[in-house]
Amino acid sequence: MTNAPRLTAWLDDFFASYYRRRPVNATFIGMHGYDDRLPDLSARATDELEQELARLERELQQLPHEPLSVAEALDRSLAEGFLKIQRWELASVHFQQGNPCVYTGEAIFGVIALFLRPFAPLPQRIEAAISRMHAIPALLLQGEANVREAPAAWTERAVRECTGALLFLRNGIDILITQHSIKDARLREAADRAVDAFTRFQNYLETELMRHTTDEIACGADTFALLLRSGHFLDKTAHDIEAEAQAEFDASNAYLTEHASEFGALTWQEAIAGLADIHPSADQYYARYSELWSASKATAAEHDLLTWPNFPIKYVPQPEWAREAAPYLYFLFYRAPAAFDELPLTRYLVTPIEPNMPLDVQESRLRATNDSVIKLNHVVHHGGIGHHVQNWHAMRAESRVGQIAAVDCASRTAMFCGGTMAEGWACYTTELMGEVGFLTPLERYAERHARLRMAARTLVDIRLHHGVYDLEQATAFYREQVGMSDSAARGEAVKNSMFPGTATMYLVGTDLIHELRHELAARDGEAFNLRRFHDRFLSYGSVPVSCVAKLMREASSIHYEHAKGGASATTGV
């Protein structure tokens, strides 16, 4: 029951528009009324969307005063910020007007999304896949019409995604057909039509778009300020955040250099490289994920860190149909479960290591997916106390935006505003597990490198989009100062250039959680309870950490005043 029926009706309209205009996002979120469609990014549809966004913004401003719950006040603020950012995105070269990856990502993941989770009977999902593959030619033709100039690196990434899409459509579909005994010939026929469309688009990218390049990748200071203010809900400037990130980068670099000798190394790069030597054998590999997951849950319970929900997850090999294509695509090991599917099990797709693989391939994969990677990345950060536990709370949050904002979609999360919570919490919990002794000394040392990497991401994000760095300088910074390989450095820099304000959310979100915890612990003294703090913090869903911090500070202040017999304060966003 709500005391704000007009806002509720407006939010109904807002979300209906969101799902209708973003059908691939809707599939990932678990709203399946548009599973047979791809987005319409034509000039006509874009004009209609601009008018729709303006109407929604105008109607929001005209709503009468109503008593709002905390969640309703959050949703009003976050939806308004979303509309402002979306109106910028529609005209920005970072998205459909100048980035070919928008088209490749939506086209191929519109199909892949239908096979990642058994949210409906297979024949129903096949029917939707056929419809979406028939819609791919029109979407890619819109890409040709809209994107007449782009940074070379974005075009190169789109070409790579075309390669992945073609591998899936040619070979992956056949594996699906064989494994599931699919008799409907229309699936193969639709895939062939999509192959023709991707082949044409790849040719356009390589022969036409690559001849029309631009060096313009910066979103600019005004837009970056908009993203900080209306997306992350920060009152800090980019200059403030850059200074904090530089201080963290310098401190982490100094710490790593000073303590490398404790691990028998001359440099921190050599020390961290030693983690690759500690890995399971091939026959222990799959079981190791579950072993470390169970150990992490037991450690959280032992130290009373939070209430761990019953939210089953299973580590399984990446499906065979995806293996050729995945290295070329935004194909994640772990995707946030669809908010509204509520499937009984989440499958976590791990790098396959099979007995029939050549020994050198096995060894290479085992060293890359060593104990540290399994523990820190696949268990703590993603599959356990980090993203997975946070996603359980998000799916049950009172905030409607908070339920869906951090769901992973074709190339990014559903809403920009969910970033500081999703990534801030996951990075924070990795450090938290270090505090309580779950990490080895070398892994804790490596976590300091993770902080250096987070700080570096923030610095590159800000400097790229304020015109201080170009892509080559950003790549060199990652390679020379963070220790990334050439390909990893280039990939990270390109991703940063495409999604302004996104890389900043890791360090900002993590540090805001630490600050809030330390402040409330100091205020509450012996009454502070870490599990209660974490449970309350997560209950808000995937909303900006800054908003949650404001609400929890106010609630703590009220409690403190009541404890002293004083007056209460009012809460809001």
Foldseek 3Di string as FASTA:
>chain_A
DDQQVLLVVLVVVLVVVLCVQQVQLCLLQVNNPRLQDFHDLAPVVLVVVLVVLVVSLVVLVVRDDTDGDQQSQQQSLLSNLQSVLVNVQSPDLLEQQAFLVNLLLRLQSSLVSLVQDPLDPPVVSLVSNLSSLLCSLVSLVSSVVRHQEEALLRLVLSLLSLVLSLLLLPPLVVVVCVVVVPPPCSSNVSSVSSNVSSVVSSCCSVPGHNVHYDLDLAPAQVSLVSCVCSALVDPDGLVVLLVVLVVLLVVLLVVLCVCQVVQVDNGSVVLLLVQLVAADALVCHQVLLVVLQVVLVVLCVVQVQADFDQQAEHEDAADPSNVVSVVSFPDAQAWQHNLPSPDRYHYGHDHDDDPPDPPVVNSVVRSVCGSLCSNLPVRQLGNGQAQHRLLVLQSVAPNPCLNQQQTQGSQGGSGSQLQLRRQLRSLLRSQVCVVSPSDDPSSNSVNSLVSSVLSLLSNLLSCCNNVNDGLVRQLCCCCPSSVDDSVVSSVSSVSSSSDHPRSNSNNVSNVLVVVLLVVLCVVCPPPDDNHVVVHQLSNNGRGNSVSSSQQVVLVSVQVSQVVVVHDHDDDRD
